[in-house]
Amino acid sequence: MASPATDPDEIAAIYDELIDTYEAEWEKQGHRSLHLEYYDDDHEEPGSAAINTMRQLAERAAISSSDRVLNIGCGVGEDSVWNARAYGATVIGINISERQLALARENAAGHEVDDRTDFRYDDFHKLETVDDDSVDVVWGLEAVSHAHDREMVLEQCKRVLVPGGRLVLSDLFFHETGQMAAHQADIDRINDGLGLELGAIDSFRETLEAVGFTDIEITDETEPIRPSLDRRHKFARVAHPVGRVLSFANVFSDTQLGVFKGNSLIRNLVEEGVLGYYFVLATLQTDE
């Protein structure tokens, strides 16, 4: 049986607790991203590959200075700040963690784009702080995998987008819905450890169409992010068993152990050929 939907406060708590772990990595790599890295011949180091994930998605979505972008699940604001810096876009970032929002505002001020960014506490299932027909692009970098009701999220995206507005997402999905039942135990452990609600890309396409999105482009981008998954897996192979011992001395928490195990299981499912990383672009149909 699938695990129940994760409470938003529980999801926020997982990533708030990981911030201290991530900060050392951010300092070394020169960015504040939490997402998977997109490797290619020009981006072979983790720092540049993390920035490349944002670049790849933004270029395919044709982000420009005229765009008003809503970044759902903005984390500590790295991709919001990057779109404001690289393209001059105006960006609203929403998140369910006050700690992460504070870091996002700090990040924007440090890069002198606080006049083009606005970070708000909001749940992407509701978008209570975002007006109807007020944004040109909804951007979600590894966000919708945390949604317990994707149709509800997409309905809210539809509400806030202008007619003809664009939806731009990247995330982990099973390749086919039928593959999920055989892996339910691993899915439950991943969902519990990382605050996810993994789904399948074919089902997601159907939901996009049902909500009213058209010109749907879905590309499998698993290969470029494999090194990122491998890197997390190698770390988890060491950190998880060591962490289980050190947890008795309060060096590693149960949350951190769950994340280590979840990352390792994700990589295993990718290696089995059932889980992949996808870019999704779609347009909100007009009434014409």
Protein backbone atom coordinates (compact mmCIF):
# COMPACT_ATOMS: atom_id res chain seq x y z
CA MET A 1 0.00 0.00 0.00
CA ALA A 2 1.31 3.47 -0.90
CA SER A 3 2.32 5.79 1.91
CA PRO A 4 -0.08 8.62 2.76
CA ALA A 5 0.56 12.11 1.44
CA THR A 6 3.42 13.85 3.23
CA ASP A 7 2.44 16.86 5.30
CA PRO A 8 3.89 20.16 3.93
CA ASP A 9 5.42 20.97 7.30
CA GLU A 10 7.19 17.61 7.26
CA ILE A 11 8.59 18.30 3.80
CA ALA A 12 9.82 21.73 4.90
CA ALA A 13 11.42 20.20 8.00
CA ILE A 14 13.36 17.66 5.92
CA TYR A 15 14.99 20.30 3.76
CA ASP A 16 15.44 22.81 6.56
CA GLU A 17 17.44 20.19 8.42
CA LEU A 18 19.57 19.52 5.35
CA ILE A 19 20.55 23.15 4.88
CA ASP A 20 23.39 22.90 7.38
CA THR A 21 24.72 19.90 5.45
CA TYR A 22 24.38 21.68 2.11
CA GLU A 23 26.01 24.95 3.18
CA ALA A 24 29.54 23.51 3.12
CA GLU A 25 28.93 22.19 -0.40
CA TRP A 26 27.49 25.54 -1.52
CA GLU A 27 30.58 27.35 -0.28
CA LYS A 28 32.85 25.00 -2.21
CA GLN A 29 30.85 25.00 -5.45
CA GLY A 30 29.78 28.65 -5.52
CA HIS A 31 26.01 28.14 -5.76
CA ARG A 32 23.02 27.34 -3.55
CA SER A 33 21.16 24.77 -5.59
CA LEU A 34 19.51 21.66 -4.17
CA HIS A 35 18.75 20.06 -7.54
CA LEU A 36 20.40 17.41 -9.71
CA GLU A 37 23.28 18.46 -11.95
CA TYR A 38 23.14 18.35 -15.75
CA TYR A 39 26.51 17.20 -17.13
CA ASP A 40 27.80 17.65 -20.68
CA ASP A 41 31.15 18.26 -22.40
CA ASP A 42 31.22 21.88 -21.24
CA HIS A 43 30.03 21.25 -17.69
CA GLU A 44 31.93 18.42 -16.05
CA GLU A 45 32.20 19.71 -12.47
CA PRO A 46 29.31 19.60 -9.97
CA GLY A 47 29.10 23.38 -9.54
CA SER A 48 28.93 24.25 -13.22
CA ALA A 49 26.71 21.26 -13.96
CA ALA A 50 24.20 22.43 -11.32
CA ILE A 51 24.02 25.82 -13.01
CA ASN A 52 23.72 24.04 -16.35
CA THR A 53 20.49 22.36 -15.24
CA MET A 54 18.93 25.79 -14.85
CA ARG A 55 20.43 26.99 -18.14
CA GLN A 56 19.17 23.99 -20.09
CA LEU A 57 15.63 24.41 -18.80
CA ALA A 58 15.61 28.20 -19.26
CA GLU A 59 16.90 28.05 -22.82
CA ARG A 60 14.27 25.53 -23.86
CA ALA A 61 11.59 27.67 -22.24
CA ALA A 62 12.99 30.82 -23.90
CA ILE A 63 13.00 32.81 -20.66
CA SER A 64 13.40 36.53 -21.41
CA SER A 65 13.48 39.91 -19.67
CA SER A 66 9.79 40.45 -20.45
CA ASP A 67 8.74 37.32 -18.55
CA ARG A 68 7.05 37.32 -15.17
CA VAL A 69 8.09 33.95 -13.74
CA LEU A 70 6.50 32.07 -10.86
CA ASN A 71 8.99 29.63 -9.33
CA ILE A 72 7.02 26.99 -7.43
CA GLY A 73 8.98 25.26 -4.66
CA CYS A 74 11.81 27.77 -5.01
CA GLY A 75 14.02 26.34 -2.24
CA VAL A 76 16.68 28.84 -1.22
CA GLY A 77 16.09 30.82 -4.40
CA GLU A 78 19.02 29.80 -6.57
CA ASP A 79 17.05 29.31 -9.80
CA SER A 80 14.89 32.40 -9.12
CA VAL A 81 18.00 34.52 -8.65
CA TRP A 82 19.66 32.94 -11.66
CA ASN A 83 16.73 33.68 -13.99
CA ALA A 84 16.67 37.28 -12.76
CA ARG A 85 20.44 37.65 -13.26
CA ALA A 86 20.87 35.73 -16.52
CA TYR A 87 17.74 36.88 -18.32
CA GLY A 88 16.45 39.93 -16.44
CA ALA A 89 13.17 38.15 -15.70
CA THR A 90 10.92 39.25 -12.85
CA VAL A 91 10.50 36.29 -10.52
CA ILE A 92 8.13 35.35 -7.70
CA GLY A 93 9.44 32.43 -5.66
CA ILE A 94 7.10 30.52 -3.38
CA ASN A 95 8.00 27.97 -0.72
CA ILE A 96 6.65 26.38 2.45
CA SER A 97 9.77 27.06 4.52
CA GLU A 98 10.40 30.42 6.15
CA ARG A 99 14.05 29.52 6.70
CA GLN A 100 14.58 28.81 3.01
CA LEU A 101 12.72 31.98 2.02
CA ALA A 102 15.01 34.04 4.26
CA LEU A 103 18.04 32.51 2.56
CA ALA A 104 16.47 33.18 -0.85
CA ARG A 105 16.02 36.88 0.00
CA GLU A 106 19.59 37.03 1.24
CA ASN A 107 20.77 35.36 -1.98
CA ALA A 108 18.84 37.85 -4.13
CA ALA A 109 20.21 40.83 -2.22
CA GLY A 110 23.75 39.50 -2.48
CA HIS A 111 23.41 39.28 -6.27
CA GLU A 112 21.63 42.65 -6.47
CA VAL A 113 18.41 41.29 -7.96
CA ASP A 114 16.16 41.87 -4.97
CA ASP A 115 14.30 44.46 -7.05
CA ARG A 116 13.34 41.73 -9.56
CA THR A 117 12.59 38.93 -7.10
CA ASP A 118 9.84 38.47 -4.53
CA PHE A 119 9.85 35.49 -2.18
CA ARG A 120 6.58 34.48 -0.53
CA TYR A 121 5.35 31.81 1.84
CA ASP A 122 2.81 29.79 -0.14
CA ASP A 123 1.80 26.24 -0.98
CA PHE A 124 1.77 25.44 -4.70
CA HIS A 125 -1.44 23.46 -4.21
CA LYS A 126 -3.15 26.77 -3.32
CA LEU A 127 -1.06 29.73 -4.57
CA GLU A 128 -3.00 32.04 -2.29
CA THR A 129 -0.52 34.91 -2.76
CA VAL A 130 -0.59 34.86 -6.58
CA ASP A 131 -3.28 36.64 -8.60
CA ASP A 132 -5.21 35.23 -11.53
CA ASP A 133 -3.64 35.77 -14.99
CA SER A 134 -0.56 37.40 -13.47
CA VAL A 135 2.47 35.40 -14.70
CA ASP A 136 3.87 34.40 -18.09
CA VAL A 137 5.80 31.33 -16.92
CA VAL A 138 5.38 28.79 -14.13
CA TRP A 139 8.77 27.26 -13.41
CA GLY A 140 9.29 24.16 -11.25
CA LEU A 141 12.73 22.64 -10.81
CA GLU A 142 12.22 19.29 -9.06
CA ALA A 143 9.10 20.65 -7.36
CA VAL A 144 6.09 18.66 -8.61
CA SER A 145 7.53 15.41 -7.27
CA HIS A 146 6.63 16.83 -3.85
CA ALA A 147 2.99 17.40 -4.83
CA HIS A 148 0.42 15.11 -3.23
CA ASP A 149 -2.17 16.22 -5.84
CA ARG A 150 -0.65 17.14 -9.19
CA GLU A 151 -3.98 18.01 -10.74
CA MET A 152 -4.60 20.56 -7.99
CA VAL A 153 -1.16 22.09 -8.59
CA LEU A 154 -1.70 22.28 -12.35
CA GLU A 155 -5.14 23.84 -11.87
CA GLN A 156 -3.53 26.56 -9.78
CA CYS A 157 -0.82 27.02 -12.42
CA LYS A 158 -3.57 27.40 -15.01
CA ARG A 159 -5.32 30.02 -12.88
CA VAL A 160 -2.27 32.26 -12.42
CA LEU A 161 -0.92 31.97 -15.98
CA VAL A 162 -1.95 34.40 -18.69
CA PRO A 163 -3.57 32.81 -21.77
CA GLY A 164 -0.77 31.30 -23.81
CA GLY A 165 1.50 31.21 -20.75
CA ARG A 166 4.15 28.52 -20.39
CA LEU A 167 4.69 25.75 -17.89
CA VAL A 168 8.33 24.67 -17.47
CA LEU A 169 9.23 21.73 -15.22
CA SER A 170 11.96 19.21 -14.58
CA ASP A 171 11.64 16.23 -12.27
CA LEU A 172 11.94 12.52 -11.59
CA PHE A 173 9.18 10.31 -12.98
CA PHE A 174 8.66 6.62 -13.58
CA HIS A 175 8.72 5.92 -17.31
CA GLU A 176 5.39 4.08 -17.15
CA THR A 177 2.65 3.84 -14.56
CA GLY A 178 2.64 0.06 -14.84
CA GLN A 179 6.21 -0.14 -13.54
CA MET A 180 5.40 1.34 -10.16
CA ALA A 181 3.59 -1.54 -8.43
CA ALA A 182 6.63 -3.81 -8.54
CA HIS A 183 8.72 -1.16 -6.78
CA GLN A 184 6.25 0.08 -4.18
CA ALA A 185 8.44 -0.73 -1.17
CA ASP A 186 11.32 1.34 -2.56
CA ILE A 187 8.91 4.11 -3.59
CA ASP A 188 7.58 4.30 -0.04
CA ARG A 189 11.10 4.58 1.40
CA ILE A 190 12.04 7.28 -1.10
CA ASN A 191 8.84 9.21 -0.51
CA ASP A 192 9.23 9.02 3.26
CA GLY A 193 12.92 9.94 3.22
CA LEU A 194 12.79 12.81 0.76
CA GLY A 195 9.23 14.07 1.15
CA LEU A 196 8.32 12.98 -2.38
CA GLU A 197 5.22 11.59 -4.08
CA LEU A 198 6.79 9.85 -7.08
CA GLY A 199 4.56 9.37 -10.11
CA ALA A 200 4.78 8.34 -13.75
CA ILE A 201 5.33 10.57 -16.75
CA ASP A 202 2.51 9.06 -18.81
CA SER A 203 0.02 9.83 -16.06
CA PHE A 204 1.42 13.35 -15.73
CA ARG A 205 0.96 13.98 -19.46
CA GLU A 206 -2.67 12.89 -19.18
CA THR A 207 -3.19 15.29 -16.28
CA LEU A 208 -1.63 18.16 -18.22
CA GLU A 209 -3.99 17.52 -21.12
CA ALA A 210 -7.03 17.18 -18.87
CA VAL A 211 -6.30 20.51 -17.15
CA GLY A 212 -5.99 22.31 -20.49
CA PHE A 213 -2.31 22.48 -21.40
CA THR A 214 -1.29 22.03 -25.02
CA ASP A 215 1.93 21.91 -27.09
CA ILE A 216 3.27 19.48 -24.52
CA GLU A 217 6.94 18.62 -25.01
CA ILE A 218 8.42 15.94 -22.77
CA THR A 219 12.06 14.91 -23.10
CA ASP A 220 13.92 12.21 -21.21
CA GLU A 221 17.03 13.86 -19.75
CA THR A 222 18.18 10.96 -17.60
CA GLU A 223 21.61 10.48 -19.19
CA PRO A 224 22.99 13.97 -18.42
CA ILE A 225 22.04 13.70 -14.74
CA ARG A 226 23.38 10.16 -14.19
CA PRO A 227 26.74 11.43 -12.84
CA SER A 228 24.84 13.48 -10.28
CA LEU A 229 22.88 10.43 -9.15
CA ASP A 230 26.06 8.37 -9.05
CA ARG A 231 27.77 11.01 -6.91
CA ARG A 232 24.91 11.03 -4.41
CA HIS A 233 24.79 7.24 -4.42
CA LYS A 234 28.52 6.91 -3.65
CA PHE A 235 28.18 9.36 -0.80
CA ALA A 236 25.12 7.54 0.53
CA ARG A 237 26.86 4.15 0.41
CA VAL A 238 29.41 5.47 2.89
CA ALA A 239 27.28 7.92 4.84
CA HIS A 240 24.28 5.68 5.50
CA PRO A 241 26.03 2.81 7.34
CA VAL A 242 28.40 5.18 9.11
CA GLY A 243 25.48 7.46 9.93
CA ARG A 244 23.51 4.61 11.47
CA VAL A 245 26.33 4.10 13.95
CA LEU A 246 26.91 7.81 14.56
CA SER A 247 23.20 8.49 14.94
CA PHE A 248 23.48 7.08 18.45
CA ALA A 249 25.87 9.94 19.19
CA ASN A 250 23.51 12.46 17.51
CA VAL A 251 25.99 13.12 14.69
CA PHE A 252 23.47 12.12 12.01
CA SER A 253 19.72 12.41 12.42
CA ASP A 254 17.00 10.03 11.25
CA THR A 255 16.10 12.66 8.63
CA GLN A 256 19.60 12.64 7.19
CA LEU A 257 19.69 8.85 7.16
CA GLY A 258 16.38 8.80 5.31
CA VAL A 259 17.74 11.18 2.68
CA PHE A 260 20.90 9.11 2.23
CA LYS A 261 18.86 5.95 1.70
CA GLY A 262 16.36 7.70 -0.56
CA ASN A 263 19.06 9.04 -2.86
CA SER A 264 20.64 5.61 -3.13
CA LEU A 265 17.30 3.97 -4.00
CA ILE A 266 16.58 6.61 -6.66
CA ARG A 267 19.86 5.84 -8.37
CA ASN A 268 19.11 2.11 -8.24
CA LEU A 269 15.70 2.60 -9.88
CA VAL A 270 17.30 4.69 -12.61
CA GLU A 271 19.86 1.94 -13.20
CA GLU A 272 17.01 -0.57 -13.46
CA GLY A 273 15.54 1.55 -16.25
CA VAL A 274 12.22 2.32 -14.57
CA LEU A 275 12.83 5.84 -13.19
CA GLY A 276 14.00 8.80 -15.24
CA TYR A 277 14.56 12.55 -15.22
CA TYR A 278 12.34 14.61 -17.53
CA PHE A 279 11.99 18.14 -18.85
CA VAL A 280 8.35 19.12 -19.40
CA LEU A 281 7.24 22.19 -21.38
CA ALA A 282 3.61 23.06 -22.07
CA THR A 283 1.42 26.00 -23.04
CA LEU A 284 -1.86 27.07 -21.53
CA GLN A 285 -4.43 26.89 -24.29
CA THR A 286 -6.38 30.02 -25.12
CA ASP A 287 -10.13 30.24 -25.66
CA GLU A 288 -9.67 31.14 -29.31
